[in-house]
Amino acid sequence: MNDRSVTNEFIEGKILELEKAAQKARALKGRGKKLVTINGSFEILHAGHIFILSEAKKQGDCLFVGVNSDRSIKEGKGESRPVLSEKERVALVASLVYVDYALIVDAPYNKVQDVLIETVVPDVHVNGAEYGQPQEWVEWPVMEKLGVRGCGVSRQAGHSTTDVISKILSNK
């Protein structure tokens, strides 16, 4: 698949490599903008993603979304995943009105959030509330070191990629 098939002029400037994301974040912070990060696999975009991304955007001026690489998802969820390629997933995420910037993060499954936070150095990092208080999150040591505040967002029941896949497989 060529890159042109999943990008267009409306999202090209929103999809950044890690170094460009770091540069953009520094420039935005220099202009007094409040930065927010969130990360995920975003395998099949669904209503639960829209909700958590809209809530994340409310936490600041500029939302950076880290999208797990294909390699990372295979490591964390098994060889049958991801459903869509990283280029397709980052393009879908970048196309959303709530998202200012999206980037593919190629890191071990349980370290994607650390790489994203270290790259952007946001004011706020958002995660699902099901992971507990920010001090309980796997990314807390990096957040604490960099002075990043955590915000937990309650996910909507029945709106997960696993739920969507189950519905498709059961033809419901």
C-alpha atoms as a PDB file:
ATOM      1  CA  MET A   1       0.000   0.000   0.000  1.00  0.00           C
ATOM      2  CA  ASN A   2       1.419   3.377  -0.859  1.00  0.00           C
ATOM      3  CA  ASP A   3       1.252   6.212   1.662  1.00  0.00           C
ATOM      4  CA  ARG A   4      -0.982   8.270  -0.627  1.00  0.00           C
ATOM      5  CA  SER A   5      -3.820   5.772  -0.216  1.00  0.00           C
ATOM      6  CA  VAL A   6      -4.227   6.625   3.471  1.00  0.00           C
ATOM      7  CA  THR A   7      -3.220  10.283   3.617  1.00  0.00           C
ATOM      8  CA  ASN A   8      -4.459  13.434   1.977  1.00  0.00           C
ATOM      9  CA  GLU A   9      -4.019  17.175   2.219  1.00  0.00           C
ATOM     10  CA  PHE A  10      -6.421  17.370   5.188  1.00  0.00           C
ATOM     11  CA  ILE A  11      -4.320  15.190   7.486  1.00  0.00           C
ATOM     12  CA  GLU A  12      -0.756  15.282   6.119  1.00  0.00           C
ATOM     13  CA  GLY A  13       0.400  17.985   8.534  1.00  0.00           C
ATOM     14  CA  LYS A  14      -1.194  16.170  11.457  1.00  0.00           C
ATOM     15  CA  ILE A  15       0.840  12.948  11.156  1.00  0.00           C
ATOM     16  CA  LEU A  16       4.305  13.431  12.633  1.00  0.00           C
ATOM     17  CA  GLU A  17       7.451  11.367  13.111  1.00  0.00           C
ATOM     18  CA  LEU A  18       8.768  11.284  16.697  1.00  0.00           C
ATOM     19  CA  GLU A  19      11.401  13.996  16.218  1.00  0.00           C
ATOM     20  CA  LYS A  20       8.961  16.312  14.431  1.00  0.00           C
ATOM     21  CA  ALA A  21       6.445  15.731  17.236  1.00  0.00           C
ATOM     22  CA  ALA A  22       9.082  16.730  19.814  1.00  0.00           C
ATOM     23  CA  GLN A  23       9.893  19.889  17.838  1.00  0.00           C
ATOM     24  CA  LYS A  24       6.223  20.779  17.414  1.00  0.00           C
ATOM     25  CA  ALA A  25       5.547  20.205  21.120  1.00  0.00           C
ATOM     26  CA  ARG A  26       8.452  22.452  22.168  1.00  0.00           C
ATOM     27  CA  ALA A  27       7.232  25.197  19.825  1.00  0.00           C
ATOM     28  CA  LEU A  28       3.659  24.964  21.108  1.00  0.00           C
ATOM     29  CA  LYS A  29       4.787  25.029  24.738  1.00  0.00           C
ATOM     30  CA  GLY A  30       6.926  28.059  23.913  1.00  0.00           C
ATOM     31  CA  ARG A  31       3.715  29.785  22.820  1.00  0.00           C
ATOM     32  CA  GLY A  32       2.031  28.897  26.125  1.00  0.00           C
ATOM     33  CA  LYS A  33      -0.127  26.042  24.831  1.00  0.00           C
ATOM     34  CA  LYS A  34      -1.274  23.299  27.211  1.00  0.00           C
ATOM     35  CA  LEU A  35      -0.393  19.911  25.694  1.00  0.00           C
ATOM     36  CA  VAL A  36      -2.234  16.631  26.197  1.00  0.00           C
ATOM     37  CA  THR A  37      -1.252  13.081  25.238  1.00  0.00           C
ATOM     38  CA  ILE A  38      -3.093   9.804  24.965  1.00  0.00           C
ATOM     39  CA  ASN A  39      -2.055   6.569  23.303  1.00  0.00           C
ATOM     40  CA  GLY A  40      -3.598   3.366  22.084  1.00  0.00           C
ATOM     41  CA  SER A  41      -3.812   0.769  19.364  1.00  0.00           C
ATOM     42  CA  PHE A  42      -6.908   2.227  17.656  1.00  0.00           C
ATOM     43  CA  GLU A  43      -7.308  -0.994  15.681  1.00  0.00           C
ATOM     44  CA  ILE A  44     -10.915  -0.461  14.677  1.00  0.00           C
ATOM     45  CA  LEU A  45     -12.064   3.093  15.274  1.00  0.00           C
ATOM     46  CA  HIS A  46     -15.313   3.055  17.280  1.00  0.00           C
ATOM     47  CA  ALA A  47     -17.517   5.192  19.526  1.00  0.00           C
ATOM     48  CA  GLY A  48     -15.394   4.448  22.596  1.00  0.00           C
ATOM     49  CA  HIS A  49     -12.366   5.959  20.883  1.00  0.00           C
ATOM     50  CA  ILE A  50     -14.312   9.035  19.852  1.00  0.00           C
ATOM     51  CA  PHE A  51     -15.494   9.545  23.426  1.00  0.00           C
ATOM     52  CA  ILE A  52     -12.093   9.203  25.117  1.00  0.00           C
ATOM     53  CA  LEU A  53     -10.370  11.356  22.484  1.00  0.00           C
ATOM     54  CA  SER A  54     -12.995  14.086  22.857  1.00  0.00           C
ATOM     55  CA  GLU A  55     -12.549  13.991  26.634  1.00  0.00           C
ATOM     56  CA  ALA A  56      -8.767  14.089  26.243  1.00  0.00           C
ATOM     57  CA  LYS A  57      -9.001  17.160  23.997  1.00  0.00           C
ATOM     58  CA  LYS A  58     -10.934  18.979  26.741  1.00  0.00           C
ATOM     59  CA  GLN A  59      -7.856  18.742  29.004  1.00  0.00           C
ATOM     60  CA  GLY A  60      -5.784  21.248  27.041  1.00  0.00           C
ATOM     61  CA  ASP A  61      -5.130  23.175  23.859  1.00  0.00           C
ATOM     62  CA  CYS A  62      -3.387  20.579  21.725  1.00  0.00           C
ATOM     63  CA  LEU A  63      -3.883  16.795  21.649  1.00  0.00           C
ATOM     64  CA  PHE A  64      -1.084  14.458  20.552  1.00  0.00           C
ATOM     65  CA  VAL A  65      -2.175  10.846  20.012  1.00  0.00           C
ATOM     66  CA  GLY A  66       0.335   8.021  20.041  1.00  0.00           C
ATOM     67  CA  VAL A  67      -0.652   5.047  17.893  1.00  0.00           C
ATOM     68  CA  ASN A  68       0.992   1.705  18.664  1.00  0.00           C
ATOM     69  CA  SER A  69       3.051   0.319  15.789  1.00  0.00           C
ATOM     70  CA  ASP A  70       2.071  -2.975  14.164  1.00  0.00           C
ATOM     71  CA  ARG A  71       5.039  -4.682  15.840  1.00  0.00           C
ATOM     72  CA  SER A  72       3.978  -3.373  19.241  1.00  0.00           C
ATOM     73  CA  ILE A  73       0.405  -4.629  18.866  1.00  0.00           C
ATOM     74  CA  LYS A  74       1.522  -8.090  17.717  1.00  0.00           C
ATOM     75  CA  GLU A  75       3.716  -8.257  20.813  1.00  0.00           C
ATOM     76  CA  GLY A  76       0.915  -7.203  23.150  1.00  0.00           C
ATOM     77  CA  LYS A  77      -2.166  -8.762  21.543  1.00  0.00           C
ATOM     78  CA  GLY A  78      -0.934 -11.672  19.433  1.00  0.00           C
ATOM     79  CA  GLU A  79      -0.131 -12.511  15.833  1.00  0.00           C
ATOM     80  CA  SER A  80      -3.730 -12.070  14.594  1.00  0.00           C
ATOM     81  CA  ARG A  81      -3.603  -8.376  15.439  1.00  0.00           C
ATOM     82  CA  PRO A  82      -3.620  -5.560  14.422  1.00  0.00           C
ATOM     83  CA  VAL A  83      -6.695  -5.582  12.233  1.00  0.00           C
ATOM     84  CA  LEU A  84      -5.583  -2.483  10.265  1.00  0.00           C
ATOM     85  CA  SER A  85      -2.024  -1.401   9.485  1.00  0.00           C
ATOM     86  CA  GLU A  86      -0.295   1.341  11.462  1.00  0.00           C
ATOM     87  CA  LYS A  87      -0.482   3.705   8.484  1.00  0.00           C
ATOM     88  CA  GLU A  88      -4.226   3.169   8.167  1.00  0.00           C
ATOM     89  CA  ARG A  89      -4.771   3.565  11.920  1.00  0.00           C
ATOM     90  CA  VAL A  90      -2.705   6.747  12.260  1.00  0.00           C
ATOM     91  CA  ALA A  91      -4.548   8.249   9.275  1.00  0.00           C
ATOM     92  CA  LEU A  92      -7.931   7.445  10.825  1.00  0.00           C
ATOM     93  CA  VAL A  93      -6.900   8.966  14.156  1.00  0.00           C
ATOM     94  CA  ALA A  94      -5.416  12.061  12.492  1.00  0.00           C
ATOM     95  CA  SER A  95      -8.653  12.624  10.575  1.00  0.00           C
ATOM     96  CA  LEU A  96     -10.607  13.230  13.778  1.00  0.00           C
ATOM     97  CA  VAL A  97     -11.445  16.820  14.661  1.00  0.00           C
ATOM     98  CA  TYR A  98     -10.306  16.342  18.296  1.00  0.00           C
ATOM     99  CA  VAL A  99      -6.808  15.251  17.279  1.00  0.00           C
ATOM    100  CA  ASP A 100      -4.192  17.896  16.568  1.00  0.00           C
ATOM    101  CA  TYR A 101      -1.306  15.504  15.904  1.00  0.00           C
ATOM    102  CA  ALA A 102      -0.936  11.726  15.592  1.00  0.00           C
ATOM    103  CA  LEU A 103       2.235   9.674  15.547  1.00  0.00           C
ATOM    104  CA  ILE A 104       3.145   6.025  15.241  1.00  0.00           C
ATOM    105  CA  VAL A 105       5.129   4.896  18.264  1.00  0.00           C
ATOM    106  CA  ASP A 106       7.274   1.834  17.614  1.00  0.00           C
ATOM    107  CA  ALA A 107       8.198   0.634  21.077  1.00  0.00           C
ATOM    108  CA  PRO A 108       7.496  -2.447  23.198  1.00  0.00           C
ATOM    109  CA  TYR A 109       3.765  -2.740  23.932  1.00  0.00           C
ATOM    110  CA  ASN A 110       4.052  -1.652  27.575  1.00  0.00           C
ATOM    111  CA  LYS A 111       6.455   1.230  26.777  1.00  0.00           C
ATOM    112  CA  VAL A 112       4.569   3.091  24.007  1.00  0.00           C
ATOM    113  CA  GLN A 113       3.081   5.542  26.498  1.00  0.00           C
ATOM    114  CA  ASP A 114       6.522   6.262  28.004  1.00  0.00           C
ATOM    115  CA  VAL A 115       8.013   7.068  24.590  1.00  0.00           C
ATOM    116  CA  LEU A 116       5.048   9.318  23.759  1.00  0.00           C
ATOM    117  CA  ILE A 117       5.265  11.196  27.074  1.00  0.00           C
ATOM    118  CA  GLU A 118       9.054  11.603  26.830  1.00  0.00           C
ATOM    119  CA  THR A 119       8.700  12.880  23.258  1.00  0.00           C
ATOM    120  CA  VAL A 120       5.907  15.416  23.802  1.00  0.00           C
ATOM    121  CA  VAL A 121       6.402  16.219  27.523  1.00  0.00           C
ATOM    122  CA  PRO A 122       2.717  17.120  27.885  1.00  0.00           C
ATOM    123  CA  ASP A 123       1.032  18.964  30.706  1.00  0.00           C
ATOM    124  CA  VAL A 124      -1.574  16.179  30.958  1.00  0.00           C
ATOM    125  CA  HIS A 125      -1.577  12.504  29.956  1.00  0.00           C
ATOM    126  CA  VAL A 126      -4.959  10.795  29.596  1.00  0.00           C
ATOM    127  CA  ASN A 127      -5.696   7.136  30.225  1.00  0.00           C
ATOM    128  CA  GLY A 128      -8.722   4.963  30.847  1.00  0.00           C
ATOM    129  CA  ALA A 129     -10.054   5.232  34.391  1.00  0.00           C
ATOM    130  CA  GLU A 130     -10.120   1.421  34.594  1.00  0.00           C
ATOM    131  CA  TYR A 131      -6.360   1.574  35.150  1.00  0.00           C
ATOM    132  CA  GLY A 132      -6.875   3.271  38.517  1.00  0.00           C
ATOM    133  CA  GLN A 133      -5.400   6.516  39.769  1.00  0.00           C
ATOM    134  CA  PRO A 134      -2.514   8.027  37.773  1.00  0.00           C
ATOM    135  CA  GLN A 135      -0.036   6.901  40.453  1.00  0.00           C
ATOM    136  CA  GLU A 136      -1.038   3.294  39.598  1.00  0.00           C
ATOM    137  CA  TRP A 137      -0.493   3.613  35.837  1.00  0.00           C
ATOM    138  CA  VAL A 138       2.435   1.854  34.190  1.00  0.00           C
ATOM    139  CA  GLU A 139       3.567   5.240  32.832  1.00  0.00           C
ATOM    140  CA  TRP A 140       3.500   6.970  36.230  1.00  0.00           C
ATOM    141  CA  PRO A 141       7.304   6.917  36.812  1.00  0.00           C
ATOM    142  CA  VAL A 142       7.878   8.851  33.558  1.00  0.00           C
ATOM    143  CA  MET A 143       4.958  11.196  34.281  1.00  0.00           C
ATOM    144  CA  GLU A 144       6.220  11.916  37.787  1.00  0.00           C
ATOM    145  CA  LYS A 145       9.788  12.529  36.564  1.00  0.00           C
ATOM    146  CA  LEU A 146       8.558  15.044  33.948  1.00  0.00           C
ATOM    147  CA  GLY A 147       5.840  16.674  36.085  1.00  0.00           C
ATOM    148  CA  VAL A 148       2.959  15.434  33.933  1.00  0.00           C
ATOM    149  CA  ARG A 149      -0.527  15.394  35.450  1.00  0.00           C
ATOM    150  CA  GLY A 150      -2.760  12.363  34.822  1.00  0.00           C
ATOM    151  CA  CYS A 151      -6.431  12.359  33.882  1.00  0.00           C
ATOM    152  CA  GLY A 152      -8.482   9.163  33.924  1.00  0.00           C
ATOM    153  CA  VAL A 153     -11.514   8.952  31.627  1.00  0.00           C
ATOM    154  CA  SER A 154     -14.213   6.334  32.196  1.00  0.00           C
ATOM    155  CA  ARG A 155     -14.695   4.226  29.122  1.00  0.00           C
ATOM    156  CA  GLN A 156     -18.137   3.504  27.764  1.00  0.00           C
ATOM    157  CA  ALA A 157     -19.273  -0.074  28.419  1.00  0.00           C
ATOM    158  CA  GLY A 158     -19.512  -2.249  25.327  1.00  0.00           C
ATOM    159  CA  HIS A 159     -17.303   0.037  23.238  1.00  0.00           C
ATOM    160  CA  SER A 160     -13.945  -1.658  22.862  1.00  0.00           C
ATOM    161  CA  THR A 161     -12.142  -3.141  19.894  1.00  0.00           C
ATOM    162  CA  THR A 162     -12.553  -6.585  21.455  1.00  0.00           C
ATOM    163  CA  ASP A 163     -16.323  -5.969  21.719  1.00  0.00           C
ATOM    164  CA  VAL A 164     -16.507  -4.861  18.068  1.00  0.00           C
ATOM    165  CA  ILE A 165     -14.518  -7.890  16.889  1.00  0.00           C
ATOM    166  CA  SER A 166     -16.753 -10.208  18.928  1.00  0.00           C
ATOM    167  CA  LYS A 167     -19.875  -8.678  17.377  1.00  0.00           C
ATOM    168  CA  ILE A 168     -18.460  -9.093  13.884  1.00  0.00           C
ATOM    169  CA  LEU A 169     -17.475 -12.710  14.500  1.00  0.00           C
ATOM    170  CA  SER A 170     -20.891 -13.550  15.937  1.00  0.00           C
ATOM    171  CA  ASN A 171     -22.632 -11.697  13.046  1.00  0.00           C
ATOM    172  CA  LYS A 172     -24.553  -9.457  15.451  1.00  0.00           C
END
